[in-house]
């Protein structure tokens, strides 16, 4: 994991005065990256960009703050935008760590979309409160439901792909607009926008507006198949009926 992120980081730094002075990797079965963190400190880096899953990302943060007493700024990939990362790293250690998020978060319980997802999770989930990981999964499922509905009753691989490639400004119940999900025959990434967050008092807090890097600049909403409007929807104003 992280190879594409590294490419993007290098591309973003082109033409700037920022230089990558150290690079460390880990094996997926290796939960402790203290040694790698020590080498980064020895290299004298000024900021760390972490493309890692929560156990290793949290290990780096914990090692930097507790073992090495190092207050280096740390940026972690969006996969760590979760309560699991904060719990593993420790809230005090994670304070100030920066990441990104693609939609609303599970603790925003005042939002209708979150309330609806909580109902879905209570009925079909694996127990415990709704987490950011579960929320993200439900939002993707909601997009797939839209795709299946738009593909029509005579479902084929081709009709499903055609529907997906016609997605235009689809807003899931917890997505952040205005152009939350767009796809095309040359763009199979539904979400190309994010907001920046940092850990404050044990929670991820948004500190930016939605930053778009959408590659599908123009789109036209598709024509729904016959009967589409009669089907139950998962919009934010809909009740979940199991």
C-alpha atoms as a PDB file:
ATOM      1  CA  UNK A   1       0.000   0.000   0.000  1.00  0.00           C
ATOM      2  CA  UNK A   2       1.068   3.578  -0.591  1.00  0.00           C
ATOM      3  CA  UNK A   3       2.909   3.327  -3.918  1.00  0.00           C
ATOM      4  CA  UNK A   4       0.358   5.493  -5.723  1.00  0.00           C
ATOM      5  CA  UNK A   5       0.296   7.909  -2.794  1.00  0.00           C
ATOM      6  CA  UNK A   6       4.070   8.258  -3.003  1.00  0.00           C
ATOM      7  CA  UNK A   7       3.803   9.005  -6.719  1.00  0.00           C
ATOM      8  CA  UNK A   8       1.180  11.657  -6.018  1.00  0.00           C
ATOM      9  CA  UNK A   9       3.284  13.192  -3.267  1.00  0.00           C
ATOM     10  CA  UNK A  10       6.310  13.434  -5.537  1.00  0.00           C
ATOM     11  CA  UNK A  11       4.208  14.940  -8.315  1.00  0.00           C
ATOM     12  CA  UNK A  12       2.734  17.490  -5.937  1.00  0.00           C
ATOM     13  CA  UNK A  13       6.187  18.509  -4.733  1.00  0.00           C
ATOM     14  CA  UNK A  14       7.566  19.086  -8.229  1.00  0.00           C
ATOM     15  CA  UNK A  15       8.851  22.635  -8.596  1.00  0.00           C
ATOM     16  CA  UNK A  16       8.806  23.301  -4.844  1.00  0.00           C
ATOM     17  CA  UNK A  17      11.645  23.615  -2.349  1.00  0.00           C
ATOM     18  CA  UNK A  18      10.398  20.589  -0.394  1.00  0.00           C
ATOM     19  CA  UNK A  19      12.616  17.536  -0.702  1.00  0.00           C
ATOM     20  CA  UNK A  20      12.022  13.919   0.286  1.00  0.00           C
ATOM     21  CA  UNK A  21      15.092  13.120   2.362  1.00  0.00           C
ATOM     22  CA  UNK A  22      14.126   9.707   3.743  1.00  0.00           C
ATOM     23  CA  UNK A  23      11.865   6.812   2.809  1.00  0.00           C
ATOM     24  CA  UNK A  24      10.901   3.871   5.017  1.00  0.00           C
ATOM     25  CA  UNK A  25       8.725   0.826   4.302  1.00  0.00           C
ATOM     26  CA  UNK A  26       7.173  -1.962   6.374  1.00  0.00           C
ATOM     27  CA  UNK A  27       5.760  -5.446   5.901  1.00  0.00           C
ATOM     28  CA  UNK A  28       2.019  -5.779   6.418  1.00  0.00           C
ATOM     29  CA  UNK A  29       2.572  -8.409   9.142  1.00  0.00           C
ATOM     30  CA  UNK A  30       4.857  -6.032  11.061  1.00  0.00           C
ATOM     31  CA  UNK A  31       2.735  -3.971  13.486  1.00  0.00           C
ATOM     32  CA  UNK A  32       5.636  -2.127  15.159  1.00  0.00           C
ATOM     33  CA  UNK A  33       7.481   0.505  13.097  1.00  0.00           C
ATOM     34  CA  UNK A  34       9.524   2.040  15.905  1.00  0.00           C
ATOM     35  CA  UNK A  35      12.786   1.267  14.098  1.00  0.00           C
ATOM     36  CA  UNK A  36      11.590   3.017  10.940  1.00  0.00           C
ATOM     37  CA  UNK A  37      10.477   6.016  12.981  1.00  0.00           C
ATOM     38  CA  UNK A  38      13.888   6.200  14.647  1.00  0.00           C
ATOM     39  CA  UNK A  39      15.589   6.217  11.249  1.00  0.00           C
ATOM     40  CA  UNK A  40      13.329   9.046  10.068  1.00  0.00           C
ATOM     41  CA  UNK A  41      14.307  11.075  13.097  1.00  0.00           C
ATOM     42  CA  UNK A  42      17.977  10.328  12.523  1.00  0.00           C
ATOM     43  CA  UNK A  43      17.556  11.583   8.940  1.00  0.00           C
ATOM     44  CA  UNK A  44      16.408  14.944  10.281  1.00  0.00           C
ATOM     45  CA  UNK A  45      13.044  15.094   8.500  1.00  0.00           C
ATOM     46  CA  UNK A  46      10.811  18.103   9.197  1.00  0.00           C
ATOM     47  CA  UNK A  47       7.463  16.414   8.455  1.00  0.00           C
ATOM     48  CA  UNK A  48       6.318  12.830   7.910  1.00  0.00           C
ATOM     49  CA  UNK A  49       3.749  11.713   5.315  1.00  0.00           C
ATOM     50  CA  UNK A  50       2.399   8.293   6.279  1.00  0.00           C
ATOM     51  CA  UNK A  51       0.753   5.972   3.763  1.00  0.00           C
ATOM     52  CA  UNK A  52      -0.046   3.065   6.069  1.00  0.00           C
ATOM     53  CA  UNK A  53      -3.000   1.202   7.556  1.00  0.00           C
ATOM     54  CA  UNK A  54      -4.022   2.103  11.147  1.00  0.00           C
ATOM     55  CA  UNK A  55      -1.810  -0.336  13.145  1.00  0.00           C
ATOM     56  CA  UNK A  56       1.434   0.836  11.540  1.00  0.00           C
ATOM     57  CA  UNK A  57       0.408   4.499  11.283  1.00  0.00           C
ATOM     58  CA  UNK A  58      -0.544   4.504  14.959  1.00  0.00           C
ATOM     59  CA  UNK A  59       2.698   2.736  15.847  1.00  0.00           C
ATOM     60  CA  UNK A  60       4.683   5.493  14.120  1.00  0.00           C
ATOM     61  CA  UNK A  61       2.803   8.227  15.962  1.00  0.00           C
ATOM     62  CA  UNK A  62       3.141   6.473  19.312  1.00  0.00           C
ATOM     63  CA  UNK A  63       6.849   5.808  18.764  1.00  0.00           C
ATOM     64  CA  UNK A  64       7.501   9.420  17.746  1.00  0.00           C
ATOM     65  CA  UNK A  65       5.656  10.950  20.674  1.00  0.00           C
ATOM     66  CA  UNK A  66       6.313   8.495  23.514  1.00  0.00           C
ATOM     67  CA  UNK A  67       9.536   6.652  22.706  1.00  0.00           C
ATOM     68  CA  UNK A  68      11.434   9.386  20.869  1.00  0.00           C
ATOM     69  CA  UNK A  69       9.799  12.469  22.440  1.00  0.00           C
ATOM     70  CA  UNK A  70       9.576  13.878  18.914  1.00  0.00           C
ATOM     71  CA  UNK A  71       6.954  16.502  18.018  1.00  0.00           C
ATOM     72  CA  UNK A  72       7.471  16.291  14.243  1.00  0.00           C
ATOM     73  CA  UNK A  73       4.310  17.183  12.230  1.00  0.00           C
ATOM     74  CA  UNK A  74       2.644  14.015  10.906  1.00  0.00           C
ATOM     75  CA  UNK A  75       0.196  13.618   8.001  1.00  0.00           C
ATOM     76  CA  UNK A  76      -1.568  10.267   7.613  1.00  0.00           C
ATOM     77  CA  UNK A  77      -3.607   8.970   4.674  1.00  0.00           C
ATOM     78  CA  UNK A  78      -7.399   9.034   4.775  1.00  0.00           C
ATOM     79  CA  UNK A  79      -7.636   5.350   5.662  1.00  0.00           C
ATOM     80  CA  UNK A  80      -6.596   6.382   9.179  1.00  0.00           C
ATOM     81  CA  UNK A  81      -9.520   8.815   9.469  1.00  0.00           C
ATOM     82  CA  UNK A  82     -11.084   6.581  12.112  1.00  0.00           C
ATOM     83  CA  UNK A  83     -11.539   6.099  15.821  1.00  0.00           C
ATOM     84  CA  UNK A  84      -9.411   2.940  15.552  1.00  0.00           C
ATOM     85  CA  UNK A  85      -6.296   4.943  14.648  1.00  0.00           C
ATOM     86  CA  UNK A  86      -6.801   7.359  17.551  1.00  0.00           C
ATOM     87  CA  UNK A  87      -7.367   4.499  19.990  1.00  0.00           C
ATOM     88  CA  UNK A  88      -4.213   2.669  18.866  1.00  0.00           C
ATOM     89  CA  UNK A  89      -2.010   5.762  18.889  1.00  0.00           C
ATOM     90  CA  UNK A  90      -3.509   7.256  22.046  1.00  0.00           C
ATOM     91  CA  UNK A  91      -5.480  10.482  21.978  1.00  0.00           C
ATOM     92  CA  UNK A  92      -2.646  12.559  23.453  1.00  0.00           C
ATOM     93  CA  UNK A  93      -0.126  11.185  20.955  1.00  0.00           C
ATOM     94  CA  UNK A  94      -2.506  11.671  18.019  1.00  0.00           C
ATOM     95  CA  UNK A  95      -3.312  15.281  18.910  1.00  0.00           C
ATOM     96  CA  UNK A  96      -2.613  17.494  15.894  1.00  0.00           C
ATOM     97  CA  UNK A  97      -2.097  14.658  13.397  1.00  0.00           C
ATOM     98  CA  UNK A  98      -3.541  15.697  10.019  1.00  0.00           C
ATOM     99  CA  UNK A  99      -5.541  13.593   7.557  1.00  0.00           C
ATOM    100  CA  UNK A 100      -8.454  13.929   5.121  1.00  0.00           C
ATOM    101  CA  UNK A 101     -12.060  12.790   4.935  1.00  0.00           C
ATOM    102  CA  UNK A 102     -14.476  12.362   2.032  1.00  0.00           C
ATOM    103  CA  UNK A 103     -17.800  12.884   3.792  1.00  0.00           C
ATOM    104  CA  UNK A 104     -19.510  13.385   7.113  1.00  0.00           C
ATOM    105  CA  UNK A 105     -18.343  11.411  10.122  1.00  0.00           C
ATOM    106  CA  UNK A 106     -20.112   8.913  12.355  1.00  0.00           C
ATOM    107  CA  UNK A 107     -20.183  11.179  15.402  1.00  0.00           C
ATOM    108  CA  UNK A 108     -22.136  13.904  13.551  1.00  0.00           C
ATOM    109  CA  UNK A 109     -25.310  12.364  14.924  1.00  0.00           C
ATOM    110  CA  UNK A 110     -27.389  15.513  14.424  1.00  0.00           C
ATOM    111  CA  UNK A 111     -27.419  14.916  10.645  1.00  0.00           C
ATOM    112  CA  UNK A 112     -30.370  12.998   9.129  1.00  0.00           C
ATOM    113  CA  UNK A 113     -28.042  10.908   6.982  1.00  0.00           C
ATOM    114  CA  UNK A 114     -26.042   9.743  10.001  1.00  0.00           C
ATOM    115  CA  UNK A 115     -29.248   8.966  11.881  1.00  0.00           C
ATOM    116  CA  UNK A 116     -30.455   6.817   8.980  1.00  0.00           C
ATOM    117  CA  UNK A 117     -27.126   4.995   8.750  1.00  0.00           C
ATOM    118  CA  UNK A 118     -27.333   4.326  12.497  1.00  0.00           C
ATOM    119  CA  UNK A 119     -30.673   2.598  11.905  1.00  0.00           C
ATOM    120  CA  UNK A 120     -29.156   0.488   9.148  1.00  0.00           C
ATOM    121  CA  UNK A 121     -26.166  -0.386  11.338  1.00  0.00           C
ATOM    122  CA  UNK A 122     -28.348  -1.270  14.329  1.00  0.00           C
ATOM    123  CA  UNK A 123     -30.305  -3.688  12.146  1.00  0.00           C
ATOM    124  CA  UNK A 124     -27.571  -5.240  10.009  1.00  0.00           C
ATOM    125  CA  UNK A 125     -24.228  -4.360  11.620  1.00  0.00           C
ATOM    126  CA  UNK A 126     -21.825  -6.448  13.683  1.00  0.00           C
ATOM    127  CA  UNK A 127     -22.474  -4.716  16.988  1.00  0.00           C
ATOM    128  CA  UNK A 128     -21.190  -1.607  18.735  1.00  0.00           C
ATOM    129  CA  UNK A 129     -21.744   1.975  17.614  1.00  0.00           C
ATOM    130  CA  UNK A 130     -21.548   3.122  14.006  1.00  0.00           C
ATOM    131  CA  UNK A 131     -17.883   3.749  13.112  1.00  0.00           C
ATOM    132  CA  UNK A 132     -16.363   5.757  10.287  1.00  0.00           C
ATOM    133  CA  UNK A 133     -15.345   2.519   8.558  1.00  0.00           C
ATOM    134  CA  UNK A 134     -18.911   1.189   8.721  1.00  0.00           C
ATOM    135  CA  UNK A 135     -20.272   4.554   7.598  1.00  0.00           C
ATOM    136  CA  UNK A 136     -18.010   4.546   4.552  1.00  0.00           C
ATOM    137  CA  UNK A 137     -19.099   1.024   3.672  1.00  0.00           C
ATOM    138  CA  UNK A 138     -22.784   1.953   3.875  1.00  0.00           C
ATOM    139  CA  UNK A 139     -22.222   5.028   1.681  1.00  0.00           C
ATOM    140  CA  UNK A 140     -20.608   2.847  -0.990  1.00  0.00           C
ATOM    141  CA  UNK A 141     -23.497   0.378  -0.704  1.00  0.00           C
ATOM    142  CA  UNK A 142     -25.920   3.256  -1.197  1.00  0.00           C
ATOM    143  CA  UNK A 143     -24.159   4.209  -4.436  1.00  0.00           C
ATOM    144  CA  UNK A 144     -24.301   0.601  -5.599  1.00  0.00           C
ATOM    145  CA  UNK A 145     -28.048   0.504  -4.897  1.00  0.00           C
ATOM    146  CA  UNK A 146     -28.453   3.604  -7.088  1.00  0.00           C
ATOM    147  CA  UNK A 147     -26.383   1.921  -9.789  1.00  0.00           C
ATOM    148  CA  UNK A 148     -28.505  -1.234  -9.693  1.00  0.00           C
ATOM    149  CA  UNK A 149     -31.703   0.808  -9.847  1.00  0.00           C
ATOM    150  CA  UNK A 150     -30.417   2.855 -12.781  1.00  0.00           C
ATOM    151  CA  UNK A 151     -29.292  -0.305 -14.602  1.00  0.00           C
ATOM    152  CA  UNK A 152     -32.921  -1.419 -14.692  1.00  0.00           C
ATOM    153  CA  UNK A 153     -34.596  -4.791 -14.201  1.00  0.00           C
ATOM    154  CA  UNK A 154     -32.751  -6.538 -17.071  1.00  0.00           C
ATOM    155  CA  UNK A 155     -29.435  -6.447 -15.270  1.00  0.00           C
ATOM    156  CA  UNK A 156     -26.270  -7.340 -17.138  1.00  0.00           C
ATOM    157  CA  UNK A 157     -22.607  -6.546 -16.581  1.00  0.00           C
ATOM    158  CA  UNK A 158     -22.869  -4.038 -19.406  1.00  0.00           C
ATOM    159  CA  UNK A 159     -25.980  -2.280 -18.084  1.00  0.00           C
ATOM    160  CA  UNK A 160     -24.414  -2.044 -14.625  1.00  0.00           C
ATOM    161  CA  UNK A 161     -21.234  -0.490 -16.055  1.00  0.00           C
ATOM    162  CA  UNK A 162     -23.218   1.878 -18.262  1.00  0.00           C
ATOM    163  CA  UNK A 163     -25.186   3.085 -15.248  1.00  0.00           C
ATOM    164  CA  UNK A 164     -22.024   3.536 -13.195  1.00  0.00           C
ATOM    165  CA  UNK A 165     -20.351   5.533 -15.955  1.00  0.00           C
ATOM    166  CA  UNK A 166     -23.372   7.831 -16.120  1.00  0.00           C
ATOM    167  CA  UNK A 167     -23.235   8.809 -12.435  1.00  0.00           C
ATOM    168  CA  UNK A 168     -23.584  12.599 -12.218  1.00  0.00           C
ATOM    169  CA  UNK A 169     -23.452  14.521  -8.920  1.00  0.00           C
ATOM    170  CA  UNK A 170     -24.878  11.610  -6.935  1.00  0.00           C
ATOM    171  CA  UNK A 171     -25.071  12.513  -3.255  1.00  0.00           C
ATOM    172  CA  UNK A 172     -25.166   9.686  -0.751  1.00  0.00           C
ATOM    173  CA  UNK A 173     -26.814  10.471   2.563  1.00  0.00           C
ATOM    174  CA  UNK A 174     -23.507  11.335   4.225  1.00  0.00           C
ATOM    175  CA  UNK A 175     -21.607  12.705   1.223  1.00  0.00           C
ATOM    176  CA  UNK A 176     -20.326  16.265   1.022  1.00  0.00           C
ATOM    177  CA  UNK A 177     -21.553  18.213  -2.036  1.00  0.00           C
ATOM    178  CA  UNK A 178     -22.021  19.828  -4.337  1.00  0.00           C
ATOM    179  CA  UNK A 179     -20.426  17.450  -6.872  1.00  0.00           C
ATOM    180  CA  UNK A 180     -19.912  14.460  -4.613  1.00  0.00           C
ATOM    181  CA  UNK A 181     -19.896  11.516  -7.013  1.00  0.00           C
ATOM    182  CA  UNK A 182     -19.246  11.662 -10.762  1.00  0.00           C
ATOM    183  CA  UNK A 183     -18.047   8.970 -13.131  1.00  0.00           C
ATOM    184  CA  UNK A 184     -17.620   8.560 -16.866  1.00  0.00           C
ATOM    185  CA  UNK A 185     -16.205   6.006 -19.324  1.00  0.00           C
ATOM    186  CA  UNK A 186     -12.753   7.411 -18.541  1.00  0.00           C
ATOM    187  CA  UNK A 187     -13.301   8.166 -14.832  1.00  0.00           C
ATOM    188  CA  UNK A 188     -14.074   5.264 -12.513  1.00  0.00           C
ATOM    189  CA  UNK A 189     -13.340   7.132  -9.276  1.00  0.00           C
ATOM    190  CA  UNK A 190     -16.706   8.265  -7.872  1.00  0.00           C
ATOM    191  CA  UNK A 191     -15.323  10.509  -5.152  1.00  0.00           C
ATOM    192  CA  UNK A 192     -12.648  13.052  -6.082  1.00  0.00           C
ATOM    193  CA  UNK A 193     -12.779  15.600  -3.325  1.00  0.00           C
ATOM    194  CA  UNK A 194     -11.854  15.786   0.337  1.00  0.00           C
ATOM    195  CA  UNK A 195     -11.747  17.946   3.434  1.00  0.00           C
ATOM    196  CA  UNK A 196      -8.722  18.183   5.700  1.00  0.00           C
ATOM    197  CA  UNK A 197      -8.969  17.115   9.307  1.00  0.00           C
ATOM    198  CA  UNK A 198      -6.816  16.910  12.407  1.00  0.00           C
ATOM    199  CA  UNK A 199      -7.131  15.197  15.755  1.00  0.00           C
ATOM    200  CA  UNK A 200      -8.398  17.487  18.490  1.00  0.00           C
ATOM    201  CA  UNK A 201      -9.185  16.078  21.935  1.00  0.00           C
ATOM    202  CA  UNK A 202      -9.421  12.535  20.589  1.00  0.00           C
ATOM    203  CA  UNK A 203     -11.662  13.324  17.612  1.00  0.00           C
ATOM    204  CA  UNK A 204     -11.083  14.111  13.960  1.00  0.00           C
ATOM    205  CA  UNK A 205     -12.139  17.727  13.314  1.00  0.00           C
ATOM    206  CA  UNK A 206     -12.575  19.223   9.829  1.00  0.00           C
ATOM    207  CA  UNK A 207     -10.613  22.446   9.257  1.00  0.00           C
ATOM    208  CA  UNK A 208     -11.126  23.081   5.530  1.00  0.00           C
ATOM    209  CA  UNK A 209     -13.822  23.416   2.913  1.00  0.00           C
ATOM    210  CA  UNK A 210     -14.332  20.645   0.388  1.00  0.00           C
ATOM    211  CA  UNK A 211     -11.290  20.571  -1.926  1.00  0.00           C
ATOM    212  CA  UNK A 212     -12.179  19.137  -5.322  1.00  0.00           C
ATOM    213  CA  UNK A 213      -9.851  17.374  -7.736  1.00  0.00           C
ATOM    214  CA  UNK A 214     -12.714  16.108  -9.890  1.00  0.00           C
ATOM    215  CA  UNK A 215     -11.580  14.985 -13.335  1.00  0.00           C
ATOM    216  CA  UNK A 216     -15.091  14.770 -14.808  1.00  0.00           C
ATOM    217  CA  UNK A 217     -15.753  18.478 -15.166  1.00  0.00           C
ATOM    218  CA  UNK A 218     -19.106  18.207 -16.966  1.00  0.00           C
ATOM    219  CA  UNK A 219     -21.845  15.628 -16.678  1.00  0.00           C
ATOM    220  CA  UNK A 220     -25.532  15.226 -17.452  1.00  0.00           C
ATOM    221  CA  UNK A 221     -27.825  13.310 -15.098  1.00  0.00           C
ATOM    222  CA  UNK A 222     -28.910  10.054 -16.762  1.00  0.00           C
ATOM    223  CA  UNK A 223     -32.497   9.257 -17.719  1.00  0.00           C
ATOM    224  CA  UNK A 224     -33.913   6.823 -15.156  1.00  0.00           C
ATOM    225  CA  UNK A 225     -35.345   3.524 -16.436  1.00  0.00           C
ATOM    226  CA  UNK A 226     -39.121   2.907 -16.306  1.00  0.00           C
ATOM    227  CA  UNK A 227     -40.289   2.378 -12.743  1.00  0.00           C
ATOM    228  CA  UNK A 228     -37.227   4.007 -11.187  1.00  0.00           C
ATOM    229  CA  UNK A 229     -39.231   6.677  -9.373  1.00  0.00           C
ATOM    230  CA  UNK A 230     -41.499   4.030  -7.837  1.00  0.00           C
ATOM    231  CA  UNK A 231     -38.640   2.257  -6.094  1.00  0.00           C
ATOM    232  CA  UNK A 232     -37.798   3.057  -2.441  1.00  0.00           C
ATOM    233  CA  UNK A 233     -34.802   5.356  -2.151  1.00  0.00           C
ATOM    234  CA  UNK A 234     -32.054   5.715   0.444  1.00  0.00           C
ATOM    235  CA  UNK A 235     -32.003   9.520   0.417  1.00  0.00           C
ATOM    236  CA  UNK A 236     -31.377  11.448   3.618  1.00  0.00           C
ATOM    237  CA  UNK A 237     -35.111  12.090   4.005  1.00  0.00           C
ATOM    238  CA  UNK A 238     -36.086   8.435   3.628  1.00  0.00           C
ATOM    239  CA  UNK A 239     -36.830   6.041   6.429  1.00  0.00           C
ATOM    240  CA  UNK A 240     -34.913   2.784   6.420  1.00  0.00           C
ATOM    241  CA  UNK A 241     -37.286  -0.168   6.156  1.00  0.00           C
ATOM    242  CA  UNK A 242     -35.508  -3.519   6.654  1.00  0.00           C
END
